[in-house]
Amino acid sequence: MAEVFFAVCPRGIEEVLARELEALGGAGVKASAGGVQFGGTLATAYAANLHSRVASRILWLVASGGYRDEADLYRLAHDIPWEREFAVDQRLRVDVTAIRSPLQSLQFATLKIKDAIVDRARERTGERPTVDRAQPDVQVLAHLDERNARLYIDLSGESLFKRGWRADKGEAPIKENLAAALLLLSGWTPDRPLLDPFCGSGTIVIEAACMATGRAPGLNRRFGFEKLQGFDRAAWAELQKQARAAVDDAAPFQLVGRDISTGVIAIAQSNAVRAGLGAVLDSGKLILEAGDARAAAPPAEGGVIVTNPPYGEQSNPRSASVADMMGDVATQLKRQYAGWQAWLLSSDRNLPRQMRLREARKTVIFNGALECRFFRFDMVAGSNRK
């Protein structure tokens, strides 16, 4: 029987996620603000959790209906056979999100849905599930619009950007799923050299290395669906087996991550090892090295730069401003990076002006709550000055 799921993602990358879910076998894929709806079996949702590089989490739609007040929400939640999905001794968390809901208090709406689930369990078993917001076994999410309520079970557990390899985030990181989306939006493929001159803790180049070696992003972590009553262990074991067999560390590629801080580079190297990329580091196909983006030479004659440079002012007030620094970076790109395509994510709309470059393209993407632009600059010698 086909089920309906919703994959949540950062705003601005919904179409990237839609293409990814279609490739993973999702049916009736439909993008909307903040995510993508798709259909399939529970095994389809397992595969989305295991393989999606872009989604933040995968939700399973268990009920939907119209509502006018909190009593309607209570009835909708009370009618759902939750006992088929989780046991009364499992810890529960309930969250509510809303767009244009007429209700006065989402906190009260959350309480009524939680009460409905707890009351149903108590009526059938004489016991009530424990509510635990910090370490739940099962997470229920309700989403309300002006007239309709949708109730979901979260199949992911921890957010999918948590791949299981990050020990230290370094400074101003972007999440792993956003890094993967930037790579996909840039059109980078493993046959082209890739450089991140502001690599920080290595997020972008580590994601690229996992793509190039065929590593499923969820291969080394656990998921919320593993705690549900109907969990199909055999189907999940087969998906994991296929994913492990697909890893190919011998695949050819050239990735370079640079940062001006040797301490941050050490963190990036440790993160790469924890991601299972030790052999790739040893082979020299992934290089993480200290380097100043204002002076470092290109690692190849042509390729793609994907990076998340600093925003705003640097922490040291005596140092040059970020705007001045990016002007110097642009000068170096013009001098030595002809033939490269540079993609930069920034919350500063004036970045092209600071760099004295004309962008070939820009895409609005949200890095958390921060509205950013993903700028593309085509480095053609002598033709890209404003």
Protein backbone atom coordinates (compact mmCIF):
# COMPACT_ATOMS: atom_id res chain seq x y z
CA MET A 1 0.00 0.00 0.00
CA ALA A 2 1.34 3.41 -0.96
CA GLU A 3 2.02 5.81 1.90
CA VAL A 4 2.54 9.57 1.79
CA PHE A 5 5.70 11.20 3.13
CA PHE A 6 7.08 14.70 3.43
CA ALA A 7 10.80 15.46 3.24
CA VAL A 8 11.77 18.68 5.02
CA CYS A 9 14.68 20.77 3.68
CA PRO A 10 16.17 24.29 3.90
CA ARG A 11 14.23 26.84 1.87
CA GLY A 12 15.63 27.40 -1.58
CA ILE A 13 16.72 23.84 -2.34
CA GLU A 14 13.32 22.14 -2.72
CA GLU A 15 13.78 21.41 -6.44
CA VAL A 16 17.15 19.77 -5.77
CA LEU A 17 15.50 17.54 -3.17
CA ALA A 18 12.61 16.73 -5.52
CA ARG A 19 15.03 15.47 -8.18
CA GLU A 20 16.86 13.42 -5.57
CA LEU A 21 13.64 11.78 -4.29
CA GLU A 22 12.52 10.95 -7.83
CA ALA A 23 15.86 9.19 -8.37
CA LEU A 24 15.29 7.25 -5.13
CA GLY A 25 11.94 5.93 -6.37
CA GLY A 26 9.54 8.43 -4.82
CA ALA A 27 6.15 8.61 -6.56
CA GLY A 28 4.06 11.73 -7.16
CA VAL A 29 6.92 13.98 -6.07
CA LYS A 30 5.72 17.53 -5.40
CA ALA A 31 7.87 20.38 -4.11
CA SER A 32 6.45 23.09 -1.84
CA ALA A 33 7.92 25.73 0.47
CA GLY A 34 10.33 24.04 2.86
CA GLY A 35 10.09 20.51 1.55
CA VAL A 36 8.84 17.86 -0.86
CA GLN A 37 5.90 15.46 -0.67
CA PHE A 38 6.34 11.98 -2.16
CA GLY A 39 4.69 8.59 -2.11
CA GLY A 40 5.87 5.01 -1.75
CA THR A 41 6.20 2.16 0.69
CA LEU A 42 7.88 2.39 4.08
CA ALA A 43 10.95 0.89 2.40
CA THR A 44 10.95 3.93 0.08
CA ALA A 45 11.08 6.15 3.16
CA TYR A 46 13.90 4.02 4.64
CA ALA A 47 15.85 4.56 1.41
CA ALA A 48 15.19 8.31 1.51
CA ASN A 49 16.58 8.49 5.05
CA LEU A 50 19.62 6.45 4.07
CA HIS A 51 20.45 8.12 0.76
CA SER A 52 19.09 11.67 0.74
CA ARG A 53 21.96 14.14 0.97
CA VAL A 54 19.66 17.16 0.97
CA ALA A 55 16.66 16.39 3.24
CA SER A 56 16.60 17.51 6.88
CA ARG A 57 14.13 14.80 7.92
CA ILE A 58 11.51 12.42 6.50
CA LEU A 59 7.98 12.55 7.91
CA TRP A 60 5.25 9.91 7.48
CA LEU A 61 1.71 11.28 7.05
CA VAL A 62 -0.62 9.29 9.34
CA ALA A 63 -3.75 11.50 9.28
CA SER A 64 -5.13 14.74 7.89
CA GLY A 65 -8.38 16.62 8.24
CA GLY A 66 -10.08 19.97 8.63
CA TYR A 67 -10.18 21.78 11.96
CA ARG A 68 -11.62 24.91 13.52
CA ASP A 69 -10.42 24.65 17.10
CA GLU A 70 -8.34 22.58 19.52
CA ALA A 71 -11.23 20.14 20.10
CA ASP A 72 -11.08 19.18 16.41
CA LEU A 73 -7.34 18.53 16.75
CA TYR A 74 -8.01 16.33 19.79
CA ARG A 75 -10.57 14.24 17.88
CA LEU A 76 -8.31 13.89 14.83
CA ALA A 77 -5.37 12.71 16.95
CA HIS A 78 -7.52 10.46 19.18
CA ASP A 79 -8.86 8.51 16.17
CA ILE A 80 -5.40 7.49 14.94
CA PRO A 81 -4.39 3.90 15.86
CA TRP A 82 -1.07 4.96 17.40
CA GLU A 83 -0.81 1.57 19.14
CA ARG A 84 0.02 -0.01 15.75
CA GLU A 85 3.10 2.19 15.45
CA PHE A 86 4.59 2.40 18.95
CA ALA A 87 4.21 0.78 22.37
CA VAL A 88 2.87 2.47 25.48
CA ASP A 89 6.22 2.19 27.23
CA GLN A 90 8.01 4.22 24.55
CA ARG A 91 8.86 7.88 25.18
CA LEU A 92 6.88 10.41 23.17
CA ARG A 93 7.44 13.94 21.90
CA VAL A 94 4.82 16.12 20.17
CA ASP A 95 5.53 19.31 18.18
CA VAL A 96 3.27 21.63 16.21
CA THR A 97 4.16 23.99 13.36
CA ALA A 98 1.73 26.33 11.65
CA ILE A 99 1.23 28.77 8.78
CA ARG A 100 -1.70 31.18 9.07
CA SER A 101 -3.42 29.04 11.71
CA PRO A 102 -6.40 30.76 13.39
CA LEU A 103 -5.54 29.22 16.76
CA GLN A 104 -4.42 31.57 19.52
CA SER A 105 -1.78 29.26 21.06
CA LEU A 106 0.30 26.58 19.38
CA GLN A 107 1.40 25.49 22.84
CA PHE A 108 -2.22 24.69 23.75
CA ALA A 109 -2.70 22.91 20.40
CA THR A 110 0.37 20.80 21.17
CA LEU A 111 -1.05 19.94 24.60
CA LYS A 112 -4.40 18.82 23.13
CA ILE A 113 -2.74 16.53 20.57
CA LYS A 114 -0.50 15.05 23.24
CA ASP A 115 -3.54 14.52 25.51
CA ALA A 116 -5.37 12.73 22.70
CA ILE A 117 -2.49 10.30 22.14
CA VAL A 118 -2.04 9.68 25.87
CA ASP A 119 -5.77 9.28 26.50
CA ARG A 120 -6.13 6.75 23.69
CA ALA A 121 -3.26 4.68 25.09
CA ARG A 122 -4.69 4.81 28.62
CA GLU A 123 -8.18 3.78 27.41
CA ARG A 124 -6.75 0.71 25.68
CA THR A 125 -4.00 -0.40 28.06
CA GLY A 126 -4.58 1.33 31.38
CA GLU A 127 -1.13 2.90 31.02
CA ARG A 128 0.09 6.17 29.56
CA PRO A 129 3.22 6.82 27.49
CA THR A 130 5.94 9.02 28.99
CA VAL A 131 6.40 12.42 27.37
CA ASP A 132 10.11 13.15 26.91
CA ARG A 133 11.18 16.14 24.81
CA ALA A 134 14.92 15.51 25.27
CA GLN A 135 15.26 11.82 24.33
CA PRO A 136 12.05 10.58 22.71
CA ASP A 137 11.66 7.19 21.06
CA VAL A 138 8.85 8.50 18.84
CA GLN A 139 8.26 12.04 17.57
CA VAL A 140 4.84 13.18 16.36
CA LEU A 141 4.60 16.40 14.36
CA ALA A 142 1.42 18.26 13.49
CA HIS A 143 1.39 20.92 10.79
CA LEU A 144 -1.53 23.37 10.66
CA ASP A 145 -2.55 25.73 7.90
CA GLU A 146 -5.66 27.92 7.79
CA ARG A 147 -8.13 25.03 7.64
CA ASN A 148 -6.32 21.70 7.62
CA ALA A 149 -4.19 19.71 10.03
CA ARG A 150 -1.69 17.04 9.04
CA LEU A 151 -0.24 14.64 11.58
CA TYR A 152 3.07 12.93 10.92
CA ILE A 153 5.43 10.47 12.58
CA ASP A 154 9.06 11.54 12.23
CA LEU A 155 10.96 8.64 10.64
CA SER A 156 14.41 10.25 10.94
CA GLY A 157 14.90 10.86 14.65
CA GLU A 158 17.91 13.16 14.74
CA SER A 159 18.06 15.55 11.81
CA LEU A 160 19.52 13.99 8.67
CA PHE A 161 22.31 16.54 8.40
CA LYS A 162 23.90 14.68 11.34
CA ARG A 163 25.90 12.11 9.38
CA GLY A 164 27.68 10.82 12.49
CA TRP A 165 31.21 12.03 11.70
CA ARG A 166 31.38 15.59 13.03
CA ALA A 167 33.18 16.00 16.35
CA ASP A 168 34.05 19.70 16.17
CA LYS A 169 32.19 22.21 14.02
CA GLY A 170 34.96 24.82 13.84
CA GLU A 171 33.79 28.35 13.06
CA ALA A 172 30.52 29.30 11.32
CA PRO A 173 29.74 25.92 9.74
CA ILE A 174 27.00 25.15 7.27
CA LYS A 175 25.06 21.97 7.81
CA GLU A 176 26.00 18.89 5.82
CA ASN A 177 22.74 18.72 3.85
CA LEU A 178 23.08 22.36 2.78
CA ALA A 179 26.68 21.69 1.71
CA ALA A 180 25.47 18.78 -0.42
CA ALA A 181 22.76 20.97 -1.94
CA LEU A 182 25.34 23.61 -2.89
CA LEU A 183 27.40 20.97 -4.68
CA LEU A 184 24.35 19.71 -6.56
CA LEU A 185 23.21 23.23 -7.45
CA SER A 186 26.67 24.06 -8.78
CA GLY A 187 26.52 21.15 -11.20
CA TRP A 188 29.84 19.82 -9.89
CA THR A 189 30.61 16.23 -10.83
CA PRO A 190 33.56 14.11 -9.60
CA ASP A 191 35.31 14.34 -12.96
CA ARG A 192 36.02 18.05 -12.30
CA PRO A 193 38.53 19.32 -9.72
CA LEU A 194 36.83 20.96 -6.72
CA LEU A 195 38.28 23.60 -4.40
CA ASP A 196 36.90 25.10 -1.19
CA PRO A 197 39.31 27.93 -0.23
CA PHE A 198 37.42 28.61 3.05
CA CYS A 199 36.86 24.99 4.03
CA GLY A 200 36.71 25.42 7.82
CA SER A 201 35.91 22.04 9.36
CA GLY A 202 35.71 20.47 5.90
CA THR A 203 31.96 20.14 5.41
CA ILE A 204 31.78 20.86 1.67
CA VAL A 205 34.78 18.79 0.56
CA ILE A 206 33.86 15.89 2.88
CA GLU A 207 30.36 15.87 1.37
CA ALA A 208 31.93 15.94 -2.09
CA ALA A 209 34.22 13.02 -1.22
CA CYS A 210 31.23 11.01 0.04
CA MET A 211 29.42 11.72 -3.24
CA ALA A 212 32.47 10.78 -5.32
CA THR A 213 32.97 7.48 -3.45
CA GLY A 214 29.26 6.60 -3.43
CA ARG A 215 28.93 6.77 0.36
CA ALA A 216 25.30 6.94 1.49
CA PRO A 217 25.04 9.80 4.00
CA GLY A 218 23.04 7.72 6.49
CA LEU A 219 25.27 4.65 6.44
CA ASN A 220 26.77 5.19 9.91
CA ARG A 221 23.83 6.40 11.99
CA ARG A 222 20.51 5.27 13.50
CA PHE A 223 17.00 6.42 12.57
CA GLY A 224 13.66 6.97 14.26
CA PHE A 225 11.87 4.36 12.15
CA GLU A 226 13.99 1.62 13.74
CA LYS A 227 11.97 2.08 16.97
CA LEU A 228 8.53 1.72 15.40
CA GLN A 229 6.39 -1.42 15.82
CA GLY A 230 6.16 -2.14 12.10
CA PHE A 231 9.88 -1.74 11.41
CA ASP A 232 10.89 -4.10 8.58
CA ARG A 233 14.35 -5.28 9.65
CA ALA A 234 14.88 -7.45 6.58
CA ALA A 235 14.14 -4.62 4.13
CA TRP A 236 16.40 -2.25 6.08
CA ALA A 237 19.25 -4.78 6.25
CA GLU A 238 19.08 -5.24 2.47
CA LEU A 239 19.18 -1.48 1.86
CA GLN A 240 22.23 -1.17 4.12
CA LYS A 241 23.95 -4.10 2.41
CA GLN A 242 23.44 -2.53 -1.02
CA ALA A 243 24.68 0.85 0.23
CA ARG A 244 27.87 -0.64 1.66
CA ALA A 245 28.54 -2.52 -1.58
CA ALA A 246 28.22 0.74 -3.55
CA VAL A 247 31.15 2.45 -1.77
CA ASP A 248 34.14 2.83 -4.12
CA ASP A 249 37.24 4.46 -2.65
CA ALA A 250 39.12 3.76 -5.89
CA ALA A 251 36.94 6.19 -7.87
CA PRO A 252 39.00 9.01 -9.47
CA PHE A 253 38.52 12.62 -8.30
CA GLN A 254 40.46 15.66 -7.08
CA LEU A 255 39.24 17.61 -4.04
CA VAL A 256 41.08 20.36 -2.16
CA GLY A 257 40.00 22.13 1.02
CA ARG A 258 42.03 25.07 2.30
CA ASP A 259 41.80 27.29 5.34
CA ILE A 260 44.12 29.96 6.70
CA SER A 261 44.03 28.27 10.14
CA THR A 262 46.19 25.17 10.61
CA GLY A 263 44.13 24.31 13.71
CA VAL A 264 40.90 24.26 11.71
CA ILE A 265 42.57 22.12 9.02
CA ALA A 266 43.49 19.58 11.71
CA ILE A 267 39.81 19.45 12.71
CA ALA A 268 38.80 18.95 9.07
CA GLN A 269 41.28 16.09 8.69
CA SER A 270 39.91 14.40 11.82
CA ASN A 271 36.36 14.81 10.51
CA ALA A 272 37.35 13.23 7.19
CA VAL A 273 38.84 10.23 8.96
CA ARG A 274 35.67 9.79 11.06
CA ALA A 275 33.64 9.94 7.82
CA GLY A 276 35.53 6.86 6.63
CA LEU A 277 37.73 8.80 4.20
CA GLY A 278 41.13 7.94 5.68
CA ALA A 279 42.18 5.97 2.60
CA VAL A 280 41.02 8.81 0.34
CA LEU A 281 43.16 11.27 2.34
CA ASP A 282 46.15 8.91 2.11
CA SER A 283 45.72 8.60 -1.66
CA GLY A 284 45.90 12.39 -2.13
CA LYS A 285 42.53 12.57 -3.89
CA LEU A 286 41.25 14.61 -0.94
CA ILE A 287 43.72 17.25 0.23
CA LEU A 288 43.09 19.39 3.32
CA GLU A 289 45.82 22.01 3.73
CA ALA A 290 46.56 25.44 5.17
CA GLY A 291 46.29 28.19 2.58
CA ASP A 292 45.35 31.84 2.20
CA ALA A 293 42.57 32.35 -0.38
CA ARG A 294 44.11 35.75 -1.24
CA ALA A 295 47.36 34.17 -2.48
CA ALA A 296 47.05 30.39 -2.97
CA ALA A 297 47.48 29.08 -6.51
CA PRO A 298 44.84 26.90 -8.20
CA PRO A 299 45.28 23.13 -7.72
CA ALA A 300 44.43 22.45 -11.39
CA GLU A 301 44.10 24.29 -14.70
CA GLY A 302 40.33 24.43 -14.37
CA GLY A 303 37.58 23.29 -12.06
CA VAL A 304 34.85 24.38 -9.66
CA ILE A 305 35.05 26.43 -6.46
CA VAL A 306 32.20 25.89 -3.99
CA THR A 307 32.64 27.78 -0.74
CA ASN A 308 31.00 29.56 2.18
CA PRO A 309 33.27 32.55 2.88
CA PRO A 310 33.07 34.65 6.07
CA TYR A 311 30.14 37.05 6.42
CA GLY A 312 30.30 40.51 8.02
CA GLU A 313 33.25 41.71 10.09
CA GLN A 314 36.01 39.43 11.32
CA SER A 315 36.31 38.96 15.08
CA ASN A 316 39.65 40.84 15.23
CA PRO A 317 38.80 44.56 14.86
CA ARG A 318 42.39 45.37 13.81
CA SER A 319 42.26 43.00 10.83
CA ALA A 320 41.03 44.00 7.41
CA SER A 321 37.27 43.89 6.93
CA VAL A 322 35.71 40.89 5.24
CA ALA A 323 34.76 43.18 2.32
CA ASP A 324 38.43 44.13 1.83
CA MET A 325 39.48 40.50 2.13
CA MET A 326 36.95 39.37 -0.48
CA GLY A 327 38.25 42.11 -2.80
CA ASP A 328 41.73 40.60 -2.45
CA VAL A 329 40.34 37.10 -3.03
CA ALA A 330 38.68 38.32 -6.23
CA THR A 331 41.96 39.84 -7.42
CA GLN A 332 43.63 36.45 -6.98
CA LEU A 333 40.79 34.70 -8.82
CA LYS A 334 41.14 37.10 -11.75
CA ARG A 335 44.92 36.64 -11.87
CA GLN A 336 45.22 32.89 -11.63
CA TYR A 337 41.82 31.17 -11.88
CA ALA A 338 40.80 31.78 -15.48
CA GLY A 339 38.75 28.78 -16.61
CA TRP A 340 37.33 28.13 -13.13
CA GLN A 341 33.72 28.54 -12.08
CA ALA A 342 33.30 29.97 -8.57
CA TRP A 343 30.16 29.49 -6.46
CA LEU A 344 30.00 31.48 -3.20
CA LEU A 345 27.27 31.37 -0.55
CA SER A 346 26.88 34.67 1.30
CA SER A 347 24.29 36.60 3.29
CA ASP A 348 25.88 39.82 1.96
CA ARG A 349 24.03 40.96 -1.15
CA ASN A 350 26.92 43.33 -1.90
CA LEU A 351 29.42 40.49 -2.37
CA PRO A 352 29.69 40.95 -6.18
CA ARG A 353 30.37 44.66 -5.67
CA GLN A 354 33.00 43.93 -3.02
CA MET A 355 34.69 41.50 -5.39
CA ARG A 356 34.25 43.77 -8.42
CA LEU A 357 32.79 40.83 -10.31
CA ARG A 358 29.53 40.38 -12.17
CA GLU A 359 27.61 37.30 -11.08
CA ALA A 360 26.42 34.95 -13.83
CA ARG A 361 23.68 33.60 -11.58
CA LYS A 362 22.34 33.90 -8.05
CA THR A 363 19.99 31.66 -6.07
CA VAL A 364 18.26 32.57 -2.80
CA ILE A 365 18.93 29.91 -0.14
CA PHE A 366 18.34 29.97 3.60
CA ASN A 367 21.22 28.93 5.86
CA GLY A 368 19.09 28.33 8.94
CA ALA A 369 17.15 31.58 9.42
CA LEU A 370 19.74 33.57 7.47
CA GLU A 371 18.71 34.58 3.94
CA CYS A 372 21.69 34.04 1.63
CA ARG A 373 22.57 34.24 -2.06
CA PHE A 374 24.46 31.50 -3.86
CA PHE A 375 26.47 33.49 -6.42
CA ARG A 376 28.09 32.03 -9.53
CA PHE A 377 31.09 33.79 -11.08
CA ASP A 378 32.60 32.55 -14.35
CA MET A 379 36.31 33.31 -14.23
CA VAL A 380 37.12 34.20 -17.83
CA ALA A 381 40.34 36.21 -18.08
CA GLY A 382 39.77 39.90 -18.70
CA SER A 383 36.01 39.69 -19.27
CA ASN A 384 34.41 39.60 -15.82
CA ARG A 385 35.26 43.01 -14.37
CA LYS A 386 32.39 45.39 -13.75
